[in-house]
Amino acid sequence: MGIVTKIKANPKLKSFVLWTIAPRRNPRPRLWVRWFLNPLKHKKGKGSKIRRRSRIDVFPWNRFEIGALTTIEDFCVVNNGSGAILLGDRVRVGIGSVIIGPVTMGNGSGLGQHVFVAGFNHGFSDGTKNSSLQALDIRPTVIEDEAHIGANSVVVAGITIGRRSQVGAGSVVTRDVPPFSVVVGNPAKVIKQYNHETGNWEKV
């Protein structure tokens, strides 16, 4: 039996180990985790930058990887507590954006300013309990290569935004976006698609 299995099998030991990683009422890794454990566990590509004033709440039990030349701007929040966050090469996460895993962003994709992207919803099926006490509804979100999300947009859990698609500023994306599409609104709807034969973006 491995050490991880032993910890999981012993509720008291598991509770203690989790307490050493993050306080119970403040889901943020302790300083020793951020300084010593995370650099060994998580991957950071050559030339990538995480601006100093961002809040990077990443835990060792889920992956956090950023590719080459990727930038996370100031005042962003990144949290992998509920699932992996995988950012490809040349990804830009705009000022004040929030990413809560599980979320994958492909090469060359980007978020504008103050974009919210999540890979889970709070469970609320039991109406007799506070939703904070119910299991999370985890649904991975995928933003494919070279897709871009406009400022102040929201991408809900379980959505795939297709390659090279554009999401207009202030949109709320509640369903999958096909590749090479432009979507706008709340809920976001496709208004244009790229025609590979004519080389034009055409109204739908």
N, C-alpha and C. Protein backbone atom coordinates (compact mmCIF):
# COMPACT_ATOMS: atom_id res chain seq x y z
N MET A 1 0.85 -1.19 0.00
CA MET A 1 0.00 0.00 0.00
C MET A 1 0.89 1.25 0.00
N GLY A 2 0.69 2.13 -0.98
CA GLY A 2 1.49 3.34 -1.08
C GLY A 2 1.11 4.36 -0.03
N ILE A 3 1.97 5.37 0.13
CA ILE A 3 1.74 6.37 1.17
C ILE A 3 0.47 7.19 0.91
N VAL A 4 0.20 7.48 -0.37
CA VAL A 4 -1.01 8.25 -0.69
C VAL A 4 -2.26 7.44 -0.34
N THR A 5 -2.24 6.16 -0.66
CA THR A 5 -3.36 5.28 -0.34
C THR A 5 -3.58 5.19 1.16
N LYS A 6 -2.48 5.11 1.93
CA LYS A 6 -2.58 5.06 3.38
C LYS A 6 -3.20 6.34 3.94
N ILE A 7 -2.79 7.46 3.40
CA ILE A 7 -3.33 8.75 3.86
C ILE A 7 -4.83 8.82 3.57
N LYS A 8 -5.24 8.44 2.35
CA LYS A 8 -6.65 8.49 1.98
C LYS A 8 -7.50 7.54 2.83
N ALA A 9 -6.90 6.42 3.26
CA ALA A 9 -7.64 5.42 4.02
C ALA A 9 -7.82 5.79 5.49
N ASN A 10 -7.08 6.78 5.95
CA ASN A 10 -7.14 7.19 7.36
C ASN A 10 -7.71 8.60 7.44
N PRO A 11 -8.99 8.75 7.81
CA PRO A 11 -9.63 10.08 7.81
C PRO A 11 -8.88 11.12 8.65
N LYS A 12 -8.38 10.74 9.82
CA LYS A 12 -7.67 11.71 10.65
C LYS A 12 -6.36 12.14 10.02
N LEU A 13 -5.63 11.19 9.46
CA LEU A 13 -4.36 11.50 8.81
C LEU A 13 -4.60 12.35 7.56
N LYS A 14 -5.64 12.00 6.81
CA LYS A 14 -5.98 12.77 5.61
C LYS A 14 -6.32 14.21 5.97
N SER A 15 -7.11 14.38 7.01
CA SER A 15 -7.50 15.72 7.45
C SER A 15 -6.27 16.53 7.87
N PHE A 16 -5.34 15.88 8.58
CA PHE A 16 -4.13 16.58 9.02
C PHE A 16 -3.26 16.99 7.84
N VAL A 17 -3.08 16.09 6.87
CA VAL A 17 -2.25 16.39 5.69
C VAL A 17 -2.86 17.55 4.91
N LEU A 18 -4.18 17.53 4.72
CA LEU A 18 -4.84 18.62 4.01
C LEU A 18 -4.67 19.94 4.76
N TRP A 19 -4.72 19.90 6.09
CA TRP A 19 -4.52 21.11 6.89
C TRP A 19 -3.11 21.67 6.71
N THR A 20 -2.12 20.79 6.57
CA THR A 20 -0.75 21.27 6.36
C THR A 20 -0.59 21.93 4.99
N ILE A 21 -1.45 21.59 4.04
CA ILE A 21 -1.36 22.16 2.68
C ILE A 21 -2.14 23.46 2.57
N ALA A 22 -3.34 23.52 3.17
CA ALA A 22 -4.17 24.72 3.09
C ALA A 22 -5.09 24.79 4.31
N PRO A 23 -5.33 25.99 4.85
CA PRO A 23 -6.28 26.13 5.97
C PRO A 23 -7.67 25.68 5.54
N ARG A 24 -8.44 25.15 6.49
CA ARG A 24 -9.77 24.62 6.17
C ARG A 24 -10.71 25.69 5.62
N ARG A 25 -10.68 26.89 6.20
CA ARG A 25 -11.63 27.93 5.80
C ARG A 25 -11.05 28.91 4.79
N ASN A 26 -9.86 28.65 4.29
CA ASN A 26 -9.23 29.54 3.32
C ASN A 26 -8.54 28.69 2.26
N PRO A 27 -9.25 28.35 1.20
CA PRO A 27 -8.72 27.41 0.20
C PRO A 27 -7.58 28.00 -0.63
N ARG A 28 -6.47 28.25 0.05
CA ARG A 28 -5.29 28.78 -0.61
C ARG A 28 -4.07 28.02 -0.09
N PRO A 29 -3.17 27.59 -0.97
CA PRO A 29 -2.00 26.82 -0.49
C PRO A 29 -1.17 27.63 0.50
N ARG A 30 -0.66 26.93 1.50
CA ARG A 30 0.21 27.58 2.46
C ARG A 30 1.52 27.99 1.78
N LEU A 31 2.23 28.90 2.43
CA LEU A 31 3.43 29.48 1.85
C LEU A 31 4.47 28.43 1.48
N TRP A 32 4.65 27.42 2.33
CA TRP A 32 5.66 26.40 2.04
C TRP A 32 5.30 25.60 0.79
N VAL A 33 4.01 25.42 0.55
CA VAL A 33 3.57 24.72 -0.66
C VAL A 33 3.90 25.55 -1.89
N ARG A 34 3.60 26.85 -1.82
CA ARG A 34 3.84 27.74 -2.96
C ARG A 34 5.33 27.89 -3.26
N TRP A 35 6.15 27.94 -2.20
CA TRP A 35 7.58 28.18 -2.39
C TRP A 35 8.38 26.93 -2.75
N PHE A 36 8.04 25.81 -2.12
CA PHE A 36 8.91 24.63 -2.23
C PHE A 36 8.30 23.46 -3.00
N LEU A 37 7.01 23.19 -2.80
CA LEU A 37 6.41 22.01 -3.41
C LEU A 37 5.94 22.27 -4.84
N ASN A 38 5.23 23.39 -5.04
CA ASN A 38 4.68 23.66 -6.37
C ASN A 38 5.74 23.77 -7.47
N PRO A 39 6.88 24.41 -7.23
CA PRO A 39 7.89 24.48 -8.30
C PRO A 39 8.39 23.11 -8.74
N LEU A 40 8.34 22.13 -7.85
CA LEU A 40 8.76 20.77 -8.20
C LEU A 40 7.66 20.01 -8.93
N LYS A 41 6.42 20.34 -8.60
CA LYS A 41 5.27 19.58 -9.11
C LYS A 41 4.76 20.11 -10.45
N HIS A 42 4.71 21.43 -10.62
CA HIS A 42 4.07 22.04 -11.78
C HIS A 42 5.09 22.49 -12.82
N LYS A 43 4.63 22.60 -14.08
CA LYS A 43 5.53 22.89 -15.19
C LYS A 43 5.29 24.30 -15.74
N LYS A 44 6.40 24.96 -16.01
CA LYS A 44 6.35 26.32 -16.54
C LYS A 44 7.27 26.40 -17.74
N GLY A 45 6.70 26.73 -18.93
CA GLY A 45 7.46 26.74 -20.16
C GLY A 45 8.45 27.89 -20.26
N LYS A 46 9.40 27.73 -21.16
CA LYS A 46 10.44 28.73 -21.37
C LYS A 46 9.83 30.06 -21.82
N GLY A 47 10.24 31.14 -21.18
CA GLY A 47 9.77 32.46 -21.55
C GLY A 47 8.39 32.81 -21.04
N SER A 48 7.77 31.93 -20.27
CA SER A 48 6.43 32.23 -19.74
C SER A 48 6.55 33.16 -18.54
N LYS A 49 5.46 33.91 -18.28
CA LYS A 49 5.48 34.89 -17.19
C LYS A 49 4.17 34.84 -16.42
N ILE A 50 4.30 34.85 -15.11
CA ILE A 50 3.16 35.04 -14.23
C ILE A 50 3.41 36.33 -13.47
N ARG A 51 2.63 37.35 -13.75
CA ARG A 51 2.86 38.65 -13.13
C ARG A 51 2.74 38.56 -11.61
N ARG A 52 3.53 39.36 -10.93
CA ARG A 52 3.70 39.27 -9.49
C ARG A 52 2.40 39.47 -8.72
N ARG A 53 1.48 40.29 -9.24
CA ARG A 53 0.27 40.62 -8.49
C ARG A 53 -0.91 39.70 -8.80
N SER A 54 -0.65 38.58 -9.44
CA SER A 54 -1.69 37.58 -9.64
C SER A 54 -1.77 36.65 -8.44
N ARG A 55 -2.94 36.06 -8.25
CA ARG A 55 -3.12 35.08 -7.16
C ARG A 55 -3.17 33.69 -7.79
N ILE A 56 -2.11 32.94 -7.60
CA ILE A 56 -1.99 31.61 -8.20
C ILE A 56 -2.18 30.58 -7.10
N ASP A 57 -3.43 30.16 -6.92
CA ASP A 57 -3.78 29.19 -5.87
C ASP A 57 -3.78 27.80 -6.49
N VAL A 58 -2.60 27.21 -6.62
CA VAL A 58 -2.50 25.88 -7.22
C VAL A 58 -2.02 24.89 -6.18
N PHE A 59 -2.64 23.71 -6.22
CA PHE A 59 -2.38 22.67 -5.24
C PHE A 59 -1.64 21.51 -5.88
N PRO A 60 -0.92 20.72 -5.10
CA PRO A 60 -0.09 19.66 -5.70
C PRO A 60 -0.87 18.46 -6.23
N TRP A 61 -2.14 18.30 -5.84
CA TRP A 61 -2.87 17.10 -6.26
C TRP A 61 -3.47 17.21 -7.67
N ASN A 62 -3.47 18.40 -8.27
CA ASN A 62 -3.92 18.55 -9.66
C ASN A 62 -2.85 19.27 -10.48
N ARG A 63 -2.84 19.00 -11.78
CA ARG A 63 -1.81 19.59 -12.64
C ARG A 63 -2.05 21.09 -12.85
N PHE A 64 -0.94 21.82 -12.95
CA PHE A 64 -0.93 23.20 -13.39
C PHE A 64 0.27 23.36 -14.31
N GLU A 65 0.00 23.59 -15.60
CA GLU A 65 1.07 23.69 -16.57
C GLU A 65 0.83 24.88 -17.48
N ILE A 66 1.88 25.65 -17.72
CA ILE A 66 1.80 26.73 -18.69
C ILE A 66 2.94 26.57 -19.68
N GLY A 67 2.62 26.79 -20.95
CA GLY A 67 3.58 26.56 -22.01
C GLY A 67 4.53 27.72 -22.24
N ALA A 68 5.35 27.57 -23.25
CA ALA A 68 6.34 28.57 -23.60
C ALA A 68 5.67 29.88 -24.02
N LEU A 69 6.24 30.99 -23.56
CA LEU A 69 5.81 32.34 -23.94
C LEU A 69 4.38 32.66 -23.51
N THR A 70 3.86 31.93 -22.57
CA THR A 70 2.51 32.20 -22.04
C THR A 70 2.60 33.25 -20.93
N THR A 71 1.59 34.13 -20.87
CA THR A 71 1.59 35.20 -19.88
C THR A 71 0.28 35.22 -19.11
N ILE A 72 0.38 35.27 -17.79
CA ILE A 72 -0.76 35.51 -16.91
C ILE A 72 -0.56 36.90 -16.33
N GLU A 73 -1.46 37.81 -16.69
CA GLU A 73 -1.30 39.22 -16.33
C GLU A 73 -1.63 39.48 -14.86
N ASP A 74 -1.43 40.72 -14.42
CA ASP A 74 -1.69 41.12 -13.04
C ASP A 74 -3.17 40.93 -12.66
N PHE A 75 -3.37 40.68 -11.36
CA PHE A 75 -4.69 40.63 -10.72
C PHE A 75 -5.54 39.45 -11.19
N CYS A 76 -4.93 38.46 -11.83
CA CYS A 76 -5.65 37.24 -12.20
C CYS A 76 -5.73 36.30 -11.00
N VAL A 77 -6.73 35.41 -11.04
CA VAL A 77 -6.85 34.34 -10.05
C VAL A 77 -6.87 33.02 -10.81
N VAL A 78 -5.98 32.11 -10.41
CA VAL A 78 -5.92 30.79 -11.03
C VAL A 78 -6.00 29.77 -9.91
N ASN A 79 -6.95 28.83 -10.00
CA ASN A 79 -7.16 27.85 -8.94
C ASN A 79 -7.41 26.48 -9.54
N ASN A 80 -6.55 25.52 -9.20
CA ASN A 80 -6.68 24.16 -9.72
C ASN A 80 -7.20 23.19 -8.66
N GLY A 81 -7.81 23.70 -7.61
CA GLY A 81 -8.27 22.84 -6.54
C GLY A 81 -9.27 21.79 -6.98
N SER A 82 -10.09 22.09 -7.98
CA SER A 82 -11.11 21.14 -8.43
C SER A 82 -10.76 20.46 -9.75
N GLY A 83 -9.61 20.79 -10.32
CA GLY A 83 -9.21 20.14 -11.58
C GLY A 83 -8.03 20.84 -12.21
N ALA A 84 -7.37 20.13 -13.12
CA ALA A 84 -6.15 20.62 -13.75
C ALA A 84 -6.38 21.89 -14.56
N ILE A 85 -5.36 22.74 -14.59
CA ILE A 85 -5.34 23.90 -15.47
C ILE A 85 -4.13 23.75 -16.38
N LEU A 86 -4.40 23.64 -17.68
CA LEU A 86 -3.36 23.39 -18.66
C LEU A 86 -3.42 24.49 -19.72
N LEU A 87 -2.42 25.36 -19.73
CA LEU A 87 -2.35 26.45 -20.69
C LEU A 87 -1.22 26.15 -21.67
N GLY A 88 -1.53 26.18 -22.96
CA GLY A 88 -0.55 25.85 -23.99
C GLY A 88 0.48 26.94 -24.20
N ASP A 89 1.16 26.88 -25.33
CA ASP A 89 2.16 27.89 -25.69
C ASP A 89 1.48 29.18 -26.17
N ARG A 90 2.10 30.31 -25.87
CA ARG A 90 1.68 31.63 -26.37
C ARG A 90 0.24 31.97 -25.96
N VAL A 91 -0.17 31.52 -24.80
CA VAL A 91 -1.49 31.86 -24.26
C VAL A 91 -1.36 33.16 -23.47
N ARG A 92 -2.38 34.02 -23.59
CA ARG A 92 -2.40 35.25 -22.79
C ARG A 92 -3.69 35.29 -21.98
N VAL A 93 -3.51 35.46 -20.67
CA VAL A 93 -4.63 35.59 -19.74
C VAL A 93 -4.67 37.04 -19.30
N GLY A 94 -5.72 37.76 -19.71
CA GLY A 94 -5.79 39.21 -19.51
C GLY A 94 -5.97 39.63 -18.07
N ILE A 95 -5.68 40.88 -17.81
CA ILE A 95 -5.73 41.47 -16.47
C ILE A 95 -7.08 41.17 -15.79
N GLY A 96 -7.00 40.69 -14.55
CA GLY A 96 -8.20 40.50 -13.75
C GLY A 96 -9.03 39.29 -14.09
N SER A 97 -8.54 38.41 -14.94
CA SER A 97 -9.32 37.22 -15.32
C SER A 97 -9.23 36.14 -14.25
N VAL A 98 -10.22 35.24 -14.26
CA VAL A 98 -10.29 34.16 -13.28
C VAL A 98 -10.42 32.83 -14.03
N ILE A 99 -9.55 31.88 -13.68
CA ILE A 99 -9.61 30.53 -14.24
C ILE A 99 -9.68 29.55 -13.08
N ILE A 100 -10.76 28.77 -13.04
CA ILE A 100 -10.92 27.76 -12.00
C ILE A 100 -11.09 26.41 -12.70
N GLY A 101 -10.17 25.50 -12.46
CA GLY A 101 -10.12 24.24 -13.19
C GLY A 101 -11.28 23.30 -12.88
N PRO A 102 -11.41 22.27 -13.74
CA PRO A 102 -10.52 21.90 -14.83
C PRO A 102 -10.76 22.72 -16.10
N VAL A 103 -9.67 23.36 -16.57
CA VAL A 103 -9.72 24.18 -17.79
C VAL A 103 -8.47 23.92 -18.61
N THR A 104 -8.67 23.75 -19.92
CA THR A 104 -7.55 23.62 -20.85
C THR A 104 -7.65 24.73 -21.89
N MET A 105 -6.54 25.42 -22.14
CA MET A 105 -6.47 26.44 -23.18
C MET A 105 -5.39 26.05 -24.17
N GLY A 106 -5.74 26.00 -25.46
CA GLY A 106 -4.82 25.57 -26.49
C GLY A 106 -3.81 26.63 -26.87
N ASN A 107 -2.87 26.26 -27.70
CA ASN A 107 -1.81 27.16 -28.15
C ASN A 107 -2.39 28.41 -28.82
N GLY A 108 -1.83 29.57 -28.46
CA GLY A 108 -2.22 30.81 -29.11
C GLY A 108 -3.58 31.34 -28.72
N SER A 109 -4.24 30.72 -27.75
CA SER A 109 -5.56 31.20 -27.31
C SER A 109 -5.39 32.33 -26.30
N GLY A 110 -6.50 33.01 -25.99
CA GLY A 110 -6.36 34.13 -25.06
C GLY A 110 -7.66 34.55 -24.42
N LEU A 111 -7.52 35.17 -23.26
CA LEU A 111 -8.64 35.78 -22.56
C LEU A 111 -8.39 37.28 -22.50
N GLY A 112 -9.45 38.06 -22.74
CA GLY A 112 -9.36 39.50 -22.56
C GLY A 112 -9.32 39.85 -21.08
N GLN A 113 -9.67 41.08 -20.76
CA GLN A 113 -9.65 41.52 -19.37
C GLN A 113 -10.92 41.08 -18.63
N HIS A 114 -10.74 40.63 -17.39
CA HIS A 114 -11.86 40.31 -16.49
C HIS A 114 -12.78 39.23 -17.07
N VAL A 115 -12.18 38.20 -17.63
CA VAL A 115 -12.94 37.05 -18.12
C VAL A 115 -13.00 35.99 -17.03
N PHE A 116 -14.15 35.32 -16.91
CA PHE A 116 -14.32 34.24 -15.94
C PHE A 116 -14.52 32.93 -16.69
N VAL A 117 -13.66 31.94 -16.39
CA VAL A 117 -13.76 30.61 -17.00
C VAL A 117 -13.67 29.58 -15.89
N ALA A 118 -14.64 28.67 -15.84
CA ALA A 118 -14.65 27.65 -14.80
C ALA A 118 -14.95 26.28 -15.38
N GLY A 119 -14.49 25.26 -14.66
CA GLY A 119 -14.75 23.88 -15.05
C GLY A 119 -15.64 23.15 -14.08
N PHE A 120 -16.37 23.89 -13.24
CA PHE A 120 -17.31 23.23 -12.34
C PHE A 120 -18.42 24.19 -11.95
N ASN A 121 -19.50 23.62 -11.46
CA ASN A 121 -20.58 24.37 -10.83
C ASN A 121 -20.75 23.85 -9.40
N HIS A 122 -21.25 24.69 -8.53
CA HIS A 122 -21.59 24.22 -7.18
C HIS A 122 -22.85 23.37 -7.26
N GLY A 123 -22.80 22.20 -6.61
CA GLY A 123 -23.98 21.34 -6.59
C GLY A 123 -25.08 21.95 -5.74
N PHE A 124 -26.33 21.77 -6.20
CA PHE A 124 -27.45 22.32 -5.42
C PHE A 124 -28.67 21.40 -5.50
N SER A 125 -28.46 20.13 -5.89
CA SER A 125 -29.60 19.22 -6.09
C SER A 125 -30.37 18.96 -4.80
N ASP A 126 -29.70 18.96 -3.65
CA ASP A 126 -30.36 18.76 -2.37
C ASP A 126 -30.78 20.11 -1.81
N GLY A 127 -32.07 20.41 -1.92
CA GLY A 127 -32.58 21.70 -1.49
C GLY A 127 -32.56 21.91 0.01
N THR A 128 -32.22 20.87 0.78
CA THR A 128 -32.18 21.00 2.24
C THR A 128 -30.79 21.39 2.74
N LYS A 129 -29.80 21.49 1.83
CA LYS A 129 -28.43 21.79 2.24
C LYS A 129 -27.89 23.00 1.50
N ASN A 130 -27.04 23.74 2.18
CA ASN A 130 -26.30 24.82 1.55
C ASN A 130 -25.48 24.24 0.40
N SER A 131 -25.47 24.93 -0.74
CA SER A 131 -24.72 24.40 -1.90
C SER A 131 -23.24 24.26 -1.60
N SER A 132 -22.70 25.03 -0.65
CA SER A 132 -21.29 24.91 -0.31
C SER A 132 -20.95 23.59 0.36
N LEU A 133 -21.98 22.87 0.84
CA LEU A 133 -21.78 21.58 1.49
C LEU A 133 -22.03 20.41 0.55
N GLN A 134 -22.41 20.67 -0.68
CA GLN A 134 -22.71 19.62 -1.64
C GLN A 134 -21.56 19.40 -2.62
N ALA A 135 -21.54 18.22 -3.20
CA ALA A 135 -20.45 17.86 -4.11
C ALA A 135 -20.45 18.79 -5.33
N LEU A 136 -19.25 19.10 -5.82
CA LEU A 136 -19.12 19.92 -7.01
C LEU A 136 -19.57 19.15 -8.24
N ASP A 137 -20.16 19.86 -9.18
CA ASP A 137 -20.53 19.31 -10.48
C ASP A 137 -19.40 19.66 -11.46
N ILE A 138 -18.44 18.76 -11.60
CA ILE A 138 -17.23 19.05 -12.37
C ILE A 138 -17.44 18.70 -13.84
N ARG A 139 -17.20 19.71 -14.69
CA ARG A 139 -17.35 19.55 -16.14
C ARG A 139 -16.21 20.31 -16.82
N PRO A 140 -15.19 19.61 -17.31
CA PRO A 140 -14.03 20.28 -17.89
C PRO A 140 -14.39 21.23 -19.03
N THR A 141 -13.74 22.38 -19.04
CA THR A 141 -13.92 23.39 -20.07
C THR A 141 -12.68 23.44 -20.96
N VAL A 142 -12.90 23.53 -22.27
CA VAL A 142 -11.79 23.52 -23.23
C VAL A 142 -11.90 24.73 -24.16
N ILE A 143 -10.82 25.49 -24.24
CA ILE A 143 -10.70 26.57 -25.22
C ILE A 143 -9.61 26.14 -26.20
N GLU A 144 -9.99 25.88 -27.43
CA GLU A 144 -9.05 25.28 -28.38
C GLU A 144 -8.06 26.31 -28.94
N ASP A 145 -7.12 25.82 -29.73
CA ASP A 145 -6.05 26.65 -30.27
C ASP A 145 -6.57 27.92 -30.94
N GLU A 146 -5.93 29.05 -30.59
CA GLU A 146 -6.14 30.34 -31.24
C GLU A 146 -7.54 30.90 -31.10
N ALA A 147 -8.32 30.38 -30.15
CA ALA A 147 -9.62 30.97 -29.84
C ALA A 147 -9.42 32.09 -28.83
N HIS A 148 -10.24 33.13 -28.94
CA HIS A 148 -10.08 34.30 -28.07
C HIS A 148 -11.42 34.71 -27.46
N ILE A 149 -11.36 35.05 -26.18
CA ILE A 149 -12.56 35.40 -25.42
C ILE A 149 -12.48 36.88 -25.06
N GLY A 150 -13.49 37.65 -25.46
CA GLY A 150 -13.49 39.09 -25.23
C GLY A 150 -13.64 39.47 -23.76
N ALA A 151 -13.28 40.71 -23.45
CA ALA A 151 -13.30 41.22 -22.08
C ALA A 151 -14.67 41.07 -21.44
N ASN A 152 -14.66 40.80 -20.14
CA ASN A 152 -15.87 40.72 -19.30
C ASN A 152 -16.81 39.60 -19.70
N SER A 153 -16.30 38.58 -20.35
CA SER A 153 -17.13 37.43 -20.73
C SER A 153 -17.09 36.36 -19.65
N VAL A 154 -18.09 35.47 -19.71
CA VAL A 154 -18.18 34.32 -18.80
C VAL A 154 -18.31 33.06 -19.65
N VAL A 155 -17.48 32.07 -19.33
CA VAL A 155 -17.57 30.76 -19.99
C VAL A 155 -17.93 29.74 -18.90
N VAL A 156 -19.12 29.16 -18.99
CA VAL A 156 -19.58 28.26 -17.93
C VAL A 156 -18.95 26.88 -18.10
N ALA A 157 -19.12 26.04 -17.09
CA ALA A 157 -18.49 24.73 -17.05
C ALA A 157 -18.98 23.82 -18.18
N GLY A 158 -18.05 22.98 -18.67
CA GLY A 158 -18.40 21.96 -19.65
C GLY A 158 -18.44 22.42 -21.08
N ILE A 159 -18.00 23.64 -21.35
CA ILE A 159 -18.07 24.21 -22.69
C ILE A 159 -16.77 23.95 -23.45
N THR A 160 -16.91 23.69 -24.76
CA THR A 160 -15.75 23.67 -25.65
C THR A 160 -15.90 24.80 -26.66
N ILE A 161 -14.89 25.65 -26.72
CA ILE A 161 -14.86 26.74 -27.69
C ILE A 161 -13.88 26.35 -28.77
N GLY A 162 -14.39 26.21 -29.99
CA GLY A 162 -13.61 25.65 -31.09
C GLY A 162 -12.46 26.51 -31.56
N ARG A 163 -11.58 25.89 -32.29
CA ARG A 163 -10.36 26.52 -32.79
C ARG A 163 -10.65 27.81 -33.57
N ARG A 164 -9.87 28.83 -33.23
CA ARG A 164 -9.86 30.13 -33.88
C ARG A 164 -11.21 30.85 -33.81
N SER A 165 -12.05 30.47 -32.89
CA SER A 165 -13.32 31.19 -32.70
C SER A 165 -13.10 32.45 -31.87
N GLN A 166 -14.04 33.37 -32.00
CA GLN A 166 -13.97 34.65 -31.31
C GLN A 166 -15.26 34.84 -30.49
N VAL A 167 -15.10 35.16 -29.21
CA VAL A 167 -16.23 35.43 -28.34
C VAL A 167 -16.27 36.93 -28.06
N GLY A 168 -17.36 37.57 -28.43
CA GLY A 168 -17.47 39.02 -28.26
C GLY A 168 -17.47 39.44 -26.81
N ALA A 169 -17.01 40.65 -26.54
CA ALA A 169 -16.92 41.18 -25.18
C ALA A 169 -18.27 41.14 -24.48
N GLY A 170 -18.25 40.75 -23.21
CA GLY A 170 -19.46 40.73 -22.40
C GLY A 170 -20.37 39.56 -22.66
N SER A 171 -19.94 38.58 -23.39
CA SER A 171 -20.79 37.43 -23.72
C SER A 171 -20.82 36.42 -22.57
N VAL A 172 -21.90 35.64 -22.51
CA VAL A 172 -22.02 34.53 -21.57
C VAL A 172 -22.18 33.26 -22.40
N VAL A 173 -21.14 32.43 -22.39
CA VAL A 173 -21.12 31.24 -23.26
C VAL A 173 -21.68 30.06 -22.49
N THR A 174 -22.85 29.58 -22.93
CA THR A 174 -23.54 28.50 -22.23
C THR A 174 -23.65 27.22 -23.05
N ARG A 175 -23.13 27.26 -24.28
CA ARG A 175 -23.12 26.05 -25.11
C ARG A 175 -21.86 26.05 -25.96
N ASP A 176 -21.53 24.87 -26.50
CA ASP A 176 -20.31 24.73 -27.29
C ASP A 176 -20.30 25.69 -28.48
N VAL A 177 -19.10 26.17 -28.80
CA VAL A 177 -18.92 27.06 -29.94
C VAL A 177 -18.16 26.31 -31.02
N PRO A 178 -18.72 26.22 -32.24
CA PRO A 178 -18.02 25.51 -33.31
C PRO A 178 -16.71 26.21 -33.69
N PRO A 179 -15.76 25.50 -34.26
CA PRO A 179 -14.53 26.14 -34.73
C PRO A 179 -14.83 27.23 -35.76
N PHE A 180 -13.97 28.24 -35.82
CA PHE A 180 -14.05 29.31 -36.81
C PHE A 180 -15.40 30.02 -36.77
N SER A 181 -15.85 30.34 -35.56
CA SER A 181 -17.13 31.02 -35.39
C SER A 181 -16.95 32.30 -34.58
N VAL A 182 -17.89 33.24 -34.76
CA VAL A 182 -17.98 34.43 -33.92
C VAL A 182 -19.28 34.34 -33.15
N VAL A 183 -19.20 34.46 -31.81
CA VAL A 183 -20.41 34.41 -30.99
C VAL A 183 -20.47 35.66 -30.12
N VAL A 184 -21.69 36.13 -29.87
CA VAL A 184 -21.90 37.30 -29.02
C VAL A 184 -23.19 37.13 -28.25
N GLY A 185 -23.31 37.88 -27.13
CA GLY A 185 -24.58 37.97 -26.43
C GLY A 185 -24.68 37.12 -25.18
N ASN A 186 -25.86 37.20 -24.55
CA ASN A 186 -26.17 36.44 -23.35
C ASN A 186 -27.57 35.83 -23.50
N PRO A 187 -27.66 34.53 -23.76
CA PRO A 187 -26.56 33.59 -24.00
C PRO A 187 -25.92 33.82 -25.37
N ALA A 188 -24.64 33.49 -25.49
CA ALA A 188 -23.91 33.75 -26.72
C ALA A 188 -24.45 32.91 -27.87
N LYS A 189 -24.59 33.56 -29.05
CA LYS A 189 -25.07 32.89 -30.24
C LYS A 189 -24.12 33.15 -31.40
N VAL A 190 -24.05 32.17 -32.30
CA VAL A 190 -23.18 32.31 -33.48
C VAL A 190 -23.77 33.35 -34.42
N ILE A 191 -22.96 34.36 -34.78
CA ILE A 191 -23.42 35.36 -35.75
C ILE A 191 -22.63 35.32 -37.05
N LYS A 192 -21.43 34.73 -36.99
CA LYS A 192 -20.62 34.59 -38.20
C LYS A 192 -19.82 33.30 -38.15
N GLN A 193 -19.53 32.77 -39.34
CA GLN A 193 -18.61 31.64 -39.45
C GLN A 193 -17.68 31.86 -40.63
N TYR A 194 -16.47 31.35 -40.51
CA TYR A 194 -15.49 31.53 -41.57
C TYR A 194 -15.72 30.52 -42.67
N ASN A 195 -15.81 31.02 -43.90
CA ASN A 195 -15.97 30.16 -45.07
C ASN A 195 -14.58 29.93 -45.68
N HIS A 196 -14.10 28.72 -45.58
CA HIS A 196 -12.74 28.41 -46.05
C HIS A 196 -12.64 28.50 -47.58
N GLU A 197 -13.75 28.35 -48.26
CA GLU A 197 -13.71 28.41 -49.72
C GLU A 197 -13.62 29.85 -50.22
N THR A 198 -14.37 30.75 -49.58
CA THR A 198 -14.36 32.16 -50.04
C THR A 198 -13.32 32.99 -49.29
N GLY A 199 -12.86 32.49 -48.14
CA GLY A 199 -11.91 33.25 -47.33
C GLY A 199 -12.53 34.41 -46.59
N ASN A 200 -13.86 34.36 -46.37
CA ASN A 200 -14.56 35.45 -45.69
C ASN A 200 -15.31 34.94 -44.45
N TRP A 201 -15.48 35.87 -43.48
CA TRP A 201 -16.36 35.61 -42.36
C TRP A 201 -17.77 35.98 -42.79
N GLU A 202 -18.67 35.01 -42.79
CA GLU A 202 -20.02 35.22 -43.33
C GLU A 202 -21.07 35.14 -42.23
N LYS A 203 -22.09 36.00 -42.33
CA LYS A 203 -23.17 36.03 -41.36
C LYS A 203 -23.95 34.73 -41.41
N VAL A 204 -24.42 34.33 -40.25
CA VAL A 204 -25.20 33.08 -40.15
C VAL A 204 -26.68 33.45 -40.08
